[in-house]
PDB file of N, CA and C in Angstrom:
ATOM      1  N   VAL A   1      98.738 106.267  95.958  1.00  0.00           N
ATOM      2  CA  VAL A   1      98.235 106.659  94.660  1.00  0.00           C
ATOM      3  C   VAL A   1      99.372 106.558  93.649  1.00  0.00           C
ATOM      4  N   ILE A   2      99.090 105.962  92.505  1.00  0.00           N
ATOM      5  CA  ILE A   2     100.077 105.777  91.446  1.00  0.00           C
ATOM      6  C   ILE A   2      99.630 106.595  90.232  1.00  0.00           C
ATOM      7  N   SER A   3     100.562 107.299  89.611  1.00  0.00           N
ATOM      8  CA  SER A   3     100.198 108.094  88.443  1.00  0.00           C
ATOM      9  C   SER A   3      99.922 107.174  87.257  1.00  0.00           C
ATOM     10  N   TYR A   4      99.141 107.650  86.318  1.00  0.00           N
ATOM     11  CA  TYR A   4      98.768 106.855  85.145  1.00  0.00           C
ATOM     12  C   TYR A   4      99.964 106.523  84.266  1.00  0.00           C
ATOM     13  N   THR A   5     100.979 107.349  84.286  1.00  0.00           N
ATOM     14  CA  THR A   5     102.140 107.098  83.439  1.00  0.00           C
ATOM     15  C   THR A   5     102.939 105.895  83.908  1.00  0.00           C
ATOM     16  N   ARG A   6     102.811 105.536  85.193  1.00  0.00           N
ATOM     17  CA  ARG A   6     103.542 104.389  85.734  1.00  0.00           C
ATOM     18  C   ARG A   6     102.762 103.087  85.626  1.00  0.00           C
ATOM     19  N   LEU A   7     101.498 103.144  85.244  1.00  0.00           N
ATOM     20  CA  LEU A   7     100.682 101.939  85.135  1.00  0.00           C
ATOM     21  C   LEU A   7     100.959 101.214  83.830  1.00  0.00           C
ATOM     22  N   ALA A   8     100.893  99.891  83.879  1.00  0.00           N
ATOM     23  CA  ALA A   8     101.040  99.077  82.675  1.00  0.00           C
ATOM     24  C   ALA A   8      99.893  98.067  82.654  1.00  0.00           C
ATOM     25  N   LEU A   9      99.164  98.016  81.569  1.00  0.00           N
ATOM     26  CA  LEU A   9      98.025  97.120  81.477  1.00  0.00           C
ATOM     27  C   LEU A   9      98.477  95.702  81.148  1.00  0.00           C
ATOM     28  N   THR A  10      97.761  94.736  81.693  1.00  0.00           N
ATOM     29  CA  THR A  10      98.025  93.327  81.407  1.00  0.00           C
ATOM     30  C   THR A  10      96.733  92.690  80.913  1.00  0.00           C
ATOM     31  N   ASP A  11      96.821  91.424  80.551  1.00  0.00           N
ATOM     32  CA  ASP A  11      95.627  90.696  80.121  1.00  0.00           C
ATOM     33  C   ASP A  11      94.819  90.158  81.293  1.00  0.00           C
ATOM     34  N   LEU A  12      95.315  90.301  82.497  1.00  0.00           N
ATOM     35  CA  LEU A  12      94.633  89.809  83.681  1.00  0.00           C
ATOM     36  C   LEU A  12      93.499  90.758  84.046  1.00  0.00           C
ATOM     37  N   THR A  13      92.310  90.209  84.154  1.00  0.00           N
ATOM     38  CA  THR A  13      91.150  91.043  84.480  1.00  0.00           C
ATOM     39  C   THR A  13      90.356  90.411  85.615  1.00  0.00           C
ATOM     40  N   VAL A  14      89.588  91.249  86.300  1.00  0.00           N
ATOM     41  CA  VAL A  14      88.684  90.825  87.352  1.00  0.00           C
ATOM     42  C   VAL A  14      87.328  91.437  87.035  1.00  0.00           C
ATOM     43  N   LYS A  15      86.300  90.622  87.025  1.00  0.00           N
ATOM     44  CA  LYS A  15      84.958  91.108  86.701  1.00  0.00           C
ATOM     45  C   LYS A  15      84.310  91.732  87.930  1.00  0.00           C
ATOM     46  N   ILE A  16      84.227  93.064  87.937  1.00  0.00           N
ATOM     47  CA  ILE A  16      83.556  93.799  89.007  1.00  0.00           C
ATOM     48  C   ILE A  16      82.781  94.954  88.387  1.00  0.00           C
ATOM     49  N   GLN A  17      81.889  95.531  89.180  1.00  0.00           N
ATOM     50  CA  GLN A  17      81.156  96.694  88.719  1.00  0.00           C
ATOM     51  C   GLN A  17      82.000  97.940  88.967  1.00  0.00           C
ATOM     52  N   ALA A  18      81.642  98.998  88.308  1.00  0.00           N
ATOM     53  CA  ALA A  18      82.315 100.268  88.529  1.00  0.00           C
ATOM     54  C   ALA A  18      82.068 100.734  89.959  1.00  0.00           C
ATOM     55  N   ASN A  19      83.059 101.368  90.545  1.00  0.00           N
ATOM     56  CA  ASN A  19      82.979 101.884  91.916  1.00  0.00           C
ATOM     57  C   ASN A  19      82.715 100.787  92.940  1.00  0.00           C
ATOM     58  N   ALA A  20      83.287  99.623  92.728  1.00  0.00           N
ATOM     59  CA  ALA A  20      83.109  98.520  93.674  1.00  0.00           C
ATOM     60  C   ALA A  20      83.892  98.793  94.952  1.00  0.00           C
ATOM     61  N   ARG A  21      83.412  98.253  96.058  1.00  0.00           N
ATOM     62  CA  ARG A  21      84.103  98.423  97.335  1.00  0.00           C
ATOM     63  C   ARG A  21      85.337  97.532  97.375  1.00  0.00           C
ATOM     64  N   GLN A  22      86.181  97.828  98.314  1.00  0.00           N
ATOM     65  CA  GLN A  22      87.436  97.096  98.424  1.00  0.00           C
ATOM     66  C   GLN A  22      87.190  95.618  98.742  1.00  0.00           C
ATOM     67  N   THR A  23      86.221  95.323  99.599  1.00  0.00           N
ATOM     68  CA  THR A  23      85.943  93.921  99.943  1.00  0.00           C
ATOM     69  C   THR A  23      85.433  93.154  98.737  1.00  0.00           C
ATOM     70  N   THR A  24      84.623  93.795  97.906  1.00  0.00           N
ATOM     71  CA  THR A  24      84.120  93.159  96.691  1.00  0.00           C
ATOM     72  C   THR A  24      85.267  92.877  95.742  1.00  0.00           C
ATOM     73  N   LEU A  25      86.174  93.835  95.612  1.00  0.00           N
ATOM     74  CA  LEU A  25      87.331  93.668  94.752  1.00  0.00           C
ATOM     75  C   LEU A  25      88.229  92.535  95.245  1.00  0.00           C
ATOM     76  N   LYS A  26      88.465  92.465  96.561  1.00  0.00           N
ATOM     77  CA  LYS A  26      89.297  91.401  97.113  1.00  0.00           C
ATOM     78  C   LYS A  26      88.686  90.028  96.856  1.00  0.00           C
ATOM     79  N   LYS A  27      87.377  89.907  97.024  1.00  0.00           N
ATOM     80  CA  LYS A  27      86.710  88.621  96.789  1.00  0.00           C
ATOM     81  C   LYS A  27      86.816  88.221  95.323  1.00  0.00           C
ATOM     82  N   ALA A  28      86.591  89.164  94.433  1.00  0.00           N
ATOM     83  CA  ALA A  28      86.679  88.874  93.003  1.00  0.00           C
ATOM     84  C   ALA A  28      88.119  88.548  92.612  1.00  0.00           C
ATOM     85  N   TRP A  29      89.073  89.240  93.215  1.00  0.00           N
ATOM     86  CA  TRP A  29      90.500  89.009  92.946  1.00  0.00           C
ATOM     87  C   TRP A  29      90.884  87.581  93.325  1.00  0.00           C
ATOM     88  N   GLU A  30      90.438  87.148  94.521  1.00  0.00           N
ATOM     89  CA  GLU A  30      90.762  85.799  94.983  1.00  0.00           C
ATOM     90  C   GLU A  30      89.991  84.742  94.193  1.00  0.00           C
ATOM     91  N   ALA A  31      88.762  85.036  93.817  1.00  0.00           N
ATOM     92  CA  ALA A  31      87.957  84.072  93.058  1.00  0.00           C
ATOM     93  C   ALA A  31      88.551  83.843  91.666  1.00  0.00           C
ATOM     94  N   ALA A  32      89.122  84.886  91.081  1.00  0.00           N
ATOM     95  CA  ALA A  32      89.697  84.771  89.742  1.00  0.00           C
ATOM     96  C   ALA A  32      91.128  84.229  89.787  1.00  0.00           C
ATOM     97  N   ASP A  33      91.675  84.055  91.006  1.00  0.00           N
ATOM     98  CA  ASP A  33      93.033  83.537  91.180  1.00  0.00           C
ATOM     99  C   ASP A  33      94.044  84.403  90.415  1.00  0.00           C
ATOM    100  N   THR A  34      93.857  85.701  90.482  1.00  0.00           N
ATOM    101  CA  THR A  34      94.661  86.645  89.716  1.00  0.00           C
ATOM    102  C   THR A  34      96.118  86.669  90.153  1.00  0.00           C
ATOM    103  N   LEU A  35      96.371  86.570  91.433  1.00  0.00           N
ATOM    104  CA  LEU A  35      97.745  86.639  91.920  1.00  0.00           C
ATOM    105  C   LEU A  35      98.568  85.458  91.403  1.00  0.00           C
ATOM    106  N   ASN A  36      98.012  84.262  91.419  1.00  0.00           N
ATOM    107  CA  ASN A  36      98.741  83.094  90.903  1.00  0.00           C
ATOM    108  C   ASN A  36      98.952  83.194  89.401  1.00  0.00           C
ATOM    109  N   LYS A  37      97.977  83.734  88.688  1.00  0.00           N
ATOM    110  CA  LYS A  37      98.135  83.933  87.247  1.00  0.00           C
ATOM    111  C   LYS A  37      99.277  84.911  86.975  1.00  0.00           C
ATOM    112  N   TRP A  38      99.354  85.977  87.777  1.00  0.00           N
ATOM    113  CA  TRP A  38     100.417  86.962  87.606  1.00  0.00           C
ATOM    114  C   TRP A  38     101.772  86.335  87.900  1.00  0.00           C
ATOM    115  N   GLU A  39     101.876  85.584  89.016  1.00  0.00           N
ATOM    116  CA  GLU A  39     103.157  84.997  89.401  1.00  0.00           C
ATOM    117  C   GLU A  39     103.643  83.961  88.394  1.00  0.00           C
ATOM    118  N   SER A  40     102.729  83.365  87.629  1.00  0.00           N
ATOM    119  CA  SER A  40     103.144  82.381  86.631  1.00  0.00           C
ATOM    120  C   SER A  40     103.443  83.024  85.274  1.00  0.00           C
ATOM    121  N   SER A  41     103.231  84.324  85.155  1.00  0.00           N
ATOM    122  CA  SER A  41     103.504  85.002  83.887  1.00  0.00           C
ATOM    123  C   SER A  41     105.001  85.247  83.732  1.00  0.00           C
ATOM    124  N   SER A  42     105.445  85.359  82.503  1.00  0.00           N
ATOM    125  CA  SER A  42     106.876  85.575  82.246  1.00  0.00           C
ATOM    126  C   SER A  42     107.313  86.957  82.730  1.00  0.00           C
ATOM    127  N   TRP A  43     106.436  87.922  82.693  1.00  0.00           N
ATOM    128  CA  TRP A  43     106.756  89.271  83.150  1.00  0.00           C
ATOM    129  C   TRP A  43     107.104  89.254  84.642  1.00  0.00           C
ATOM    130  N   ALA A  44     106.282  88.578  85.432  1.00  0.00           N
ATOM    131  CA  ALA A  44     106.522  88.508  86.870  1.00  0.00           C
ATOM    132  C   ALA A  44     107.795  87.728  87.168  1.00  0.00           C
ATOM    133  N   LYS A  45     108.047  86.676  86.383  1.00  0.00           N
ATOM    134  CA  LYS A  45     109.262  85.887  86.591  1.00  0.00           C
ATOM    135  C   LYS A  45     110.504  86.718  86.294  1.00  0.00           C
ATOM    136  N   LYS A  46     110.445  87.556  85.251  1.00  0.00           N
ATOM    137  CA  LYS A  46     111.567  88.434  84.931  1.00  0.00           C
ATOM    138  C   LYS A  46     111.811  89.428  86.063  1.00  0.00           C
ATOM    139  N   LEU A  47     110.735  89.999  86.597  1.00  0.00           N
ATOM    140  CA  LEU A  47     110.882  90.960  87.691  1.00  0.00           C
ATOM    141  C   LEU A  47     111.477  90.297  88.931  1.00  0.00           C
ATOM    142  N   ALA A  48     111.045  89.059  89.214  1.00  0.00           N
ATOM    143  CA  ALA A  48     111.563  88.339  90.378  1.00  0.00           C
ATOM    144  C   ALA A  48     113.044  88.022  90.198  1.00  0.00           C
ATOM    145  N   ALA A  49     113.428  87.613  88.998  1.00  0.00           N
ATOM    146  CA  ALA A  49     114.831  87.306  88.731  1.00  0.00           C
ATOM    147  C   ALA A  49     115.686  88.565  88.850  1.00  0.00           C
ATOM    148  N   LYS A  50     115.172  89.687  88.357  1.00  0.00           N
ATOM    149  CA  LYS A  50     115.900  90.956  88.439  1.00  0.00           C
ATOM    150  C   LYS A  50     116.094  91.376  89.898  1.00  0.00           C
ATOM    151  N   LYS A  51     115.044  91.197  90.696  1.00  0.00           N
ATOM    152  CA  LYS A  51     115.120  91.551  92.107  1.00  0.00           C
ATOM    153  C   LYS A  51     116.112  90.642  92.835  1.00  0.00           C
ATOM    154  N   LYS A  52     116.109  89.363  92.481  1.00  0.00           N
ATOM    155  CA  LYS A  52     117.028  88.421  93.122  1.00  0.00           C
ATOM    156  C   LYS A  52     118.475  88.743  92.762  1.00  0.00           C
ATOM    157  N   ARG A  53     118.723  89.051  91.495  1.00  0.00           N
ATOM    158  CA  ARG A  53     120.081  89.421  91.073  1.00  0.00           C
ATOM    159  C   ARG A  53     120.556  90.679  91.785  1.00  0.00           C
ATOM    160  N   ALA A  54     119.665  91.628  91.972  1.00  0.00           N
ATOM    161  CA  ALA A  54     120.036  92.889  92.617  1.00  0.00           C
ATOM    162  C   ALA A  54     120.376  92.685  94.089  1.00  0.00           C
ATOM    163  N   SER A  55     119.821  91.644  94.706  1.00  0.00           N
ATOM    164  CA  SER A  55     120.054  91.431  96.131  1.00  0.00           C
ATOM    165  C   SER A  55     121.218  90.480  96.412  1.00  0.00           C
ATOM    166  N   LEU A  56     121.924  90.030  95.367  1.00  0.00           N
ATOM    167  CA  LEU A  56     123.046  89.120  95.575  1.00  0.00           C
ATOM    168  C   LEU A  56     124.218  89.834  96.243  1.00  0.00           C
ATOM    169  N   SER A  57     124.906  89.094  97.082  1.00  0.00           N
ATOM    170  CA  SER A  57     126.117  89.631  97.691  1.00  0.00           C
ATOM    171  C   SER A  57     127.287  89.411  96.734  1.00  0.00           C
ATOM    172  N   ASP A  58     128.432  89.923  97.098  1.00  0.00           N
ATOM    173  CA  ASP A  58     129.620  89.780  96.265  1.00  0.00           C
ATOM    174  C   ASP A  58     129.991  88.298  96.116  1.00  0.00           C
ATOM    175  N   PHE A  59     129.902  87.556  97.203  1.00  0.00           N
ATOM    176  CA  PHE A  59     130.244  86.137  97.161  1.00  0.00           C
ATOM    177  C   PHE A  59     129.237  85.354  96.309  1.00  0.00           C
ATOM    178  N   ASP A  60     127.958  85.736  96.381  1.00  0.00           N
ATOM    179  CA  ASP A  60     126.943  85.081  95.547  1.00  0.00           C
ATOM    180  C   ASP A  60     127.222  85.314  94.069  1.00  0.00           C
ATOM    181  N   ARG A  61     127.602  86.539  93.724  1.00  0.00           N
ATOM    182  CA  ARG A  61     127.959  86.830  92.328  1.00  0.00           C
ATOM    183  C   ARG A  61     129.175  86.020  91.892  1.00  0.00           C
ATOM    184  N   PHE A  62     130.132  85.847  92.799  1.00  0.00           N
ATOM    185  CA  PHE A  62     131.294  85.028  92.503  1.00  0.00           C
ATOM    186  C   PHE A  62     130.893  83.576  92.235  1.00  0.00           C
ATOM    187  N   LYS A  63     129.990  83.040  93.064  1.00  0.00           N
ATOM    188  CA  LYS A  63     129.540  81.653  92.879  1.00  0.00           C
ATOM    189  C   LYS A  63     128.821  81.484  91.543  1.00  0.00           C
ATOM    190  N   VAL A  64     128.040  82.490  91.160  1.00  0.00           N
ATOM    191  CA  VAL A  64     127.357  82.443  89.864  1.00  0.00           C
ATOM    192  C   VAL A  64     128.379  82.441  88.728  1.00  0.00           C
ATOM    193  N   MET A  65     129.411  83.264  88.845  1.00  0.00           N
ATOM    194  CA  MET A  65     130.449  83.318  87.817  1.00  0.00           C
ATOM    195  C   MET A  65     131.153  81.972  87.679  1.00  0.00           C
ATOM    196  N   VAL A  66     131.492  81.354  88.805  1.00  0.00           N
ATOM    197  CA  VAL A  66     132.168  80.056  88.774  1.00  0.00           C
ATOM    198  C   VAL A  66     131.261  79.001  88.140  1.00  0.00           C
ATOM    199  N   ALA A  67     129.991  79.006  88.494  1.00  0.00           N
ATOM    200  CA  ALA A  67     129.056  78.034  87.933  1.00  0.00           C
ATOM    201  C   ALA A  67     128.922  78.212  86.423  1.00  0.00           C
ATOM    202  N   ARG A  68     128.889  79.453  85.956  1.00  0.00           N
ATOM    203  CA  ARG A  68     128.802  79.709  84.515  1.00  0.00           C
ATOM    204  C   ARG A  68     130.047  79.221  83.791  1.00  0.00           C
ATOM    205  N   LYS A  69     131.211  79.427  84.404  1.00  0.00           N
ATOM    206  CA  LYS A  69     132.448  78.955  83.801  1.00  0.00           C
ATOM    207  C   LYS A  69     132.459  77.425  83.702  1.00  0.00           C
ATOM    208  N   GLN A  70     132.018  76.766  84.768  1.00  0.00           N
ATOM    209  CA  GLN A  70     131.977  75.306  84.760  1.00  0.00           C
ATOM    210  C   GLN A  70     131.009  74.787  83.704  1.00  0.00           C
ATOM    211  N   LYS A  71     129.876  75.444  83.586  1.00  0.00           N
ATOM    212  CA  LYS A  71     128.887  75.037  82.589  1.00  0.00           C
ATOM    213  C   LYS A  71     129.441  75.195  81.180  1.00  0.00           C
ATOM    214  N   SER A  72     130.073  76.339  80.920  1.00  0.00           N
ATOM    215  CA  SER A  72     130.608  76.565  79.574  1.00  0.00           C
ATOM    216  C   SER A  72     131.746  75.603  79.261  1.00  0.00           C
ATOM    217  N   GLU A  73     132.520  75.209  80.261  1.00  0.00           N
ATOM    218  CA  GLU A  73     133.600  74.241  80.058  1.00  0.00           C
ATOM    219  C   GLU A  73     133.035  72.871  79.686  1.00  0.00           C
ATOM    220  N   ILE A  74     131.983  72.462  80.373  1.00  0.00           N
ATOM    221  CA  ILE A  74     131.336  71.176  80.070  1.00  0.00           C
ATOM    222  C   ILE A  74     130.770  71.197  78.657  1.00  0.00           C
ATOM    223  N   ILE A  75     130.130  72.275  78.291  1.00  0.00           N
ATOM    224  CA  ILE A  75     129.544  72.388  76.946  1.00  0.00           C
ATOM    225  C   ILE A  75     130.641  72.363  75.889  1.00  0.00           C
ATOM    226  N   ALA A  76     131.739  73.057  76.141  1.00  0.00           N
ATOM    227  CA  ALA A  76     132.845  73.083  75.179  1.00  0.00           C
ATOM    228  C   ALA A  76     133.442  71.691  74.994  1.00  0.00           C
ATOM    229  N   LYS A  77     133.583  70.948  76.077  1.00  0.00           N
ATOM    230  CA  LYS A  77     134.117  69.581  75.978  1.00  0.00           C
ATOM    231  C   LYS A  77     133.184  68.680  75.184  1.00  0.00           C
ATOM    232  N   LYS A  78     131.884  68.788  75.411  1.00  0.00           N
ATOM    233  CA  LYS A  78     130.904  67.971  74.691  1.00  0.00           C
ATOM    234  C   LYS A  78     130.907  68.318  73.190  1.00  0.00           C
ATOM    235  N   MET A  79     130.998  69.619  72.899  1.00  0.00           N
ATOM    236  CA  MET A  79     131.020  70.041  71.497  1.00  0.00           C
ATOM    237  C   MET A  79     132.276  69.543  70.813  1.00  0.00           C
ATOM    238  N   ALA A  80     133.418  69.568  71.512  1.00  0.00           N
ATOM    239  CA  ALA A  80     134.661  69.083  70.938  1.00  0.00           C
ATOM    240  C   ALA A  80     134.599  67.579  70.704  1.00  0.00           C
ATOM    241  N   ALA A  81     133.935  66.872  71.624  1.00  0.00           N
ATOM    242  CA  ALA A  81     133.800  65.429  71.473  1.00  0.00           C
ATOM    243  C   ALA A  81     132.908  65.073  70.288  1.00  0.00           C
ATOM    244  N   LEU A  82     131.940  65.920  70.011  1.00  0.00           N
ATOM    245  CA  LEU A  82     131.051  65.697  68.870  1.00  0.00           C
ATOM    246  C   LEU A  82     131.700  66.114  67.559  1.00  0.00           C
ATOM    247  N   GLY A  83     132.775  66.838  67.630  1.00  0.00           N
ATOM    248  CA  GLY A  83     133.493  67.271  66.442  1.00  0.00           C
ATOM    249  C   GLY A  83     132.932  68.519  65.811  1.00  0.00           C
ATOM    250  N   ALA A  84     132.189  69.281  66.595  1.00  0.00           N
ATOM    251  CA  ALA A  84     131.588  70.499  66.055  1.00  0.00           C
ATOM    252  C   ALA A  84     132.490  71.687  66.221  1.00  0.00           C
TER     253      ALA A  84
END
């Protein structure tokens, strides 16, 4: 059971009657392809990225730092070549 204060409404809806059974809800959920719609939303992508960042090891964070430095170095060289 989740309290109402923790719920957040989205635009994703499933057409069912009030007091529908769980099997009816599951069928309607799958028919509306709600899970794929959610996973393609920017909100879900942000949550997935946050979860992935939280699960990185120390070495993974180091690799990300090195990659960012390399990227910024390439961009700086290109900008200098353009004269900006």
